[in-house]
């Protein structure tokens, strides 16, 4: 079975939705935060990503989870908690996102 042909320039290409999420401000920062911290709780991510609201982080995590980039694990302990972690696909995408962020850092002085 061969991989499907994707063309992000085509309106109906399913990869376009993923690209939009990954390259959105909160998608990029959430992926980078999870790559940096490993599995993390919601509150840890909220503190790490300065300026994100609870609502926006919740929506972003749901979208990244639905897209197969983030895994959500519920832990039944005395105080139930949820961890978020990158999937294998998420790790691949996060590596590219981090490379993009580092490129932005590198050119930042030239922009001012």
C-alpha atoms as a PDB file:
ATOM      1  CA  UNK A   1       0.000   0.000   0.000  1.00  0.00           C
ATOM      2  CA  UNK A   2       1.516   3.333  -1.004  1.00  0.00           C
ATOM      3  CA  UNK A   3       1.220   6.575   0.912  1.00  0.00           C
ATOM      4  CA  UNK A   4      -1.459   8.962  -0.353  1.00  0.00           C
ATOM      5  CA  UNK A   5      -0.394  11.908  -2.452  1.00  0.00           C
ATOM      6  CA  UNK A   6      -0.667  15.172  -0.561  1.00  0.00           C
ATOM      7  CA  UNK A   7      -0.611  18.654  -2.022  1.00  0.00           C
ATOM      8  CA  UNK A   8      -0.800  21.314   0.663  1.00  0.00           C
ATOM      9  CA  UNK A   9      -1.509  23.892  -2.042  1.00  0.00           C
ATOM     10  CA  UNK A  10      -4.795  22.137  -2.927  1.00  0.00           C
ATOM     11  CA  UNK A  11      -7.824  23.409  -1.025  1.00  0.00           C
ATOM     12  CA  UNK A  12      -9.134  19.932  -0.207  1.00  0.00           C
ATOM     13  CA  UNK A  13      -5.802  18.466   0.936  1.00  0.00           C
ATOM     14  CA  UNK A  14      -6.162  17.120   4.508  1.00  0.00           C
ATOM     15  CA  UNK A  15      -2.586  18.130   5.285  1.00  0.00           C
ATOM     16  CA  UNK A  16      -3.572  21.795   5.028  1.00  0.00           C
ATOM     17  CA  UNK A  17      -5.601  21.648   8.246  1.00  0.00           C
ATOM     18  CA  UNK A  18      -2.686  20.075  10.092  1.00  0.00           C
ATOM     19  CA  UNK A  19      -0.285  22.649   8.676  1.00  0.00           C
ATOM     20  CA  UNK A  20      -2.561  25.470   9.827  1.00  0.00           C
ATOM     21  CA  UNK A  21      -2.689  24.054  13.355  1.00  0.00           C
ATOM     22  CA  UNK A  22       1.043  23.340  13.591  1.00  0.00           C
ATOM     23  CA  UNK A  23       1.990  26.780  12.304  1.00  0.00           C
ATOM     24  CA  UNK A  24      -0.513  28.684  14.428  1.00  0.00           C
ATOM     25  CA  UNK A  25       1.009  30.600  17.332  1.00  0.00           C
ATOM     26  CA  UNK A  26      -0.481  28.340  20.000  1.00  0.00           C
ATOM     27  CA  UNK A  27       0.039  25.114  18.052  1.00  0.00           C
ATOM     28  CA  UNK A  28       3.712  25.913  17.529  1.00  0.00           C
ATOM     29  CA  UNK A  29       4.270  26.913  21.147  1.00  0.00           C
ATOM     30  CA  UNK A  30       2.391  23.901  22.525  1.00  0.00           C
ATOM     31  CA  UNK A  31       4.371  21.453  20.398  1.00  0.00           C
ATOM     32  CA  UNK A  32       7.643  23.120  21.366  1.00  0.00           C
ATOM     33  CA  UNK A  33       6.684  23.132  25.057  1.00  0.00           C
ATOM     34  CA  UNK A  34       5.862  19.425  24.988  1.00  0.00           C
ATOM     35  CA  UNK A  35       9.101  18.657  23.147  1.00  0.00           C
ATOM     36  CA  UNK A  36      10.983  20.644  25.764  1.00  0.00           C
ATOM     37  CA  UNK A  37       9.210  19.320  28.864  1.00  0.00           C
ATOM     38  CA  UNK A  38       8.136  15.832  27.881  1.00  0.00           C
ATOM     39  CA  UNK A  39       4.812  14.659  29.280  1.00  0.00           C
ATOM     40  CA  UNK A  40       3.180  17.585  31.043  1.00  0.00           C
ATOM     41  CA  UNK A  41      -0.006  18.452  32.829  1.00  0.00           C
ATOM     42  CA  UNK A  42      -2.337  21.174  31.636  1.00  0.00           C
ATOM     43  CA  UNK A  43      -1.210  23.630  34.332  1.00  0.00           C
ATOM     44  CA  UNK A  44       2.451  23.043  33.537  1.00  0.00           C
ATOM     45  CA  UNK A  45       1.825  23.837  29.886  1.00  0.00           C
ATOM     46  CA  UNK A  46      -0.204  26.928  30.749  1.00  0.00           C
ATOM     47  CA  UNK A  47       2.643  28.248  32.908  1.00  0.00           C
ATOM     48  CA  UNK A  48       5.242  27.412  30.236  1.00  0.00           C
ATOM     49  CA  UNK A  49       3.347  29.133  27.394  1.00  0.00           C
ATOM     50  CA  UNK A  50       3.118  32.712  28.567  1.00  0.00           C
ATOM     51  CA  UNK A  51      -0.049  34.510  27.467  1.00  0.00           C
ATOM     52  CA  UNK A  52      -2.173  31.501  26.495  1.00  0.00           C
ATOM     53  CA  UNK A  53      -5.638  31.326  28.044  1.00  0.00           C
ATOM     54  CA  UNK A  54      -7.090  28.141  29.513  1.00  0.00           C
ATOM     55  CA  UNK A  55      -9.660  28.079  26.711  1.00  0.00           C
ATOM     56  CA  UNK A  56      -7.062  28.440  23.952  1.00  0.00           C
ATOM     57  CA  UNK A  57      -4.750  25.812  25.471  1.00  0.00           C
ATOM     58  CA  UNK A  58      -7.668  23.423  25.856  1.00  0.00           C
ATOM     59  CA  UNK A  59      -8.733  23.932  22.222  1.00  0.00           C
ATOM     60  CA  UNK A  60      -5.165  23.580  20.963  1.00  0.00           C
ATOM     61  CA  UNK A  61      -4.575  20.359  22.909  1.00  0.00           C
ATOM     62  CA  UNK A  62      -7.856  18.915  21.626  1.00  0.00           C
ATOM     63  CA  UNK A  63      -6.921  19.747  18.033  1.00  0.00           C
ATOM     64  CA  UNK A  64      -3.377  18.395  18.382  1.00  0.00           C
ATOM     65  CA  UNK A  65      -4.771  15.227  19.969  1.00  0.00           C
ATOM     66  CA  UNK A  66      -7.377  14.819  17.207  1.00  0.00           C
ATOM     67  CA  UNK A  67      -4.608  15.327  14.644  1.00  0.00           C
ATOM     68  CA  UNK A  68      -2.562  12.517  16.162  1.00  0.00           C
ATOM     69  CA  UNK A  69       0.300  14.764  17.283  1.00  0.00           C
ATOM     70  CA  UNK A  70      -0.414  14.684  21.028  1.00  0.00           C
ATOM     71  CA  UNK A  71      -1.520  11.825  23.267  1.00  0.00           C
ATOM     72  CA  UNK A  72      -3.732  12.436  26.293  1.00  0.00           C
ATOM     73  CA  UNK A  73      -3.312  10.036  29.214  1.00  0.00           C
ATOM     74  CA  UNK A  74      -5.700  10.024  32.163  1.00  0.00           C
ATOM     75  CA  UNK A  75      -4.285   8.697  35.423  1.00  0.00           C
ATOM     76  CA  UNK A  76      -6.656   7.293  38.020  1.00  0.00           C
ATOM     77  CA  UNK A  77      -4.960   8.231  41.241  1.00  0.00           C
ATOM     78  CA  UNK A  78      -6.308   9.713  44.422  1.00  0.00           C
ATOM     79  CA  UNK A  79      -6.346  13.060  42.640  1.00  0.00           C
ATOM     80  CA  UNK A  80      -7.081  12.221  39.005  1.00  0.00           C
ATOM     81  CA  UNK A  81      -4.827  13.991  36.540  1.00  0.00           C
ATOM     82  CA  UNK A  82      -4.141  14.106  32.821  1.00  0.00           C
ATOM     83  CA  UNK A  83      -0.769  14.184  31.086  1.00  0.00           C
ATOM     84  CA  UNK A  84      -0.132  15.314  27.527  1.00  0.00           C
ATOM     85  CA  UNK A  85       2.789  14.007  25.494  1.00  0.00           C
ATOM     86  CA  UNK A  86       3.930  14.065  21.896  1.00  0.00           C
ATOM     87  CA  UNK A  87       3.185  11.005  19.791  1.00  0.00           C
ATOM     88  CA  UNK A  88       5.847   9.726  17.401  1.00  0.00           C
ATOM     89  CA  UNK A  89       4.315  11.881  14.664  1.00  0.00           C
ATOM     90  CA  UNK A  90       4.205  14.807  17.087  1.00  0.00           C
ATOM     91  CA  UNK A  91       7.893  14.380  17.879  1.00  0.00           C
ATOM     92  CA  UNK A  92       8.723  14.507  14.174  1.00  0.00           C
ATOM     93  CA  UNK A  93       6.664  17.667  13.640  1.00  0.00           C
ATOM     94  CA  UNK A  94       7.924  19.254  16.886  1.00  0.00           C
ATOM     95  CA  UNK A  95      11.537  18.802  15.749  1.00  0.00           C
ATOM     96  CA  UNK A  96      10.741  20.853  12.639  1.00  0.00           C
ATOM     97  CA  UNK A  97       8.866  23.446  14.693  1.00  0.00           C
ATOM     98  CA  UNK A  98      11.847  23.815  17.031  1.00  0.00           C
ATOM     99  CA  UNK A  99      14.161  24.199  14.038  1.00  0.00           C
ATOM    100  CA  UNK A 100      11.861  26.968  12.773  1.00  0.00           C
ATOM    101  CA  UNK A 101      11.903  28.703  16.176  1.00  0.00           C
ATOM    102  CA  UNK A 102      15.691  28.500  16.300  1.00  0.00           C
ATOM    103  CA  UNK A 103      15.869  29.987  12.785  1.00  0.00           C
ATOM    104  CA  UNK A 104      13.699  32.880  13.946  1.00  0.00           C
ATOM    105  CA  UNK A 105      16.045  33.405  16.914  1.00  0.00           C
ATOM    106  CA  UNK A 106      18.993  33.478  14.516  1.00  0.00           C
ATOM    107  CA  UNK A 107      17.551  36.188  12.251  1.00  0.00           C
ATOM    108  CA  UNK A 108      15.864  38.251  14.972  1.00  0.00           C
ATOM    109  CA  UNK A 109      18.772  40.732  15.432  1.00  0.00           C
ATOM    110  CA  UNK A 110      18.813  41.365  11.671  1.00  0.00           C
ATOM    111  CA  UNK A 111      15.133  42.337  11.727  1.00  0.00           C
ATOM    112  CA  UNK A 112      15.615  45.241  14.122  1.00  0.00           C
END
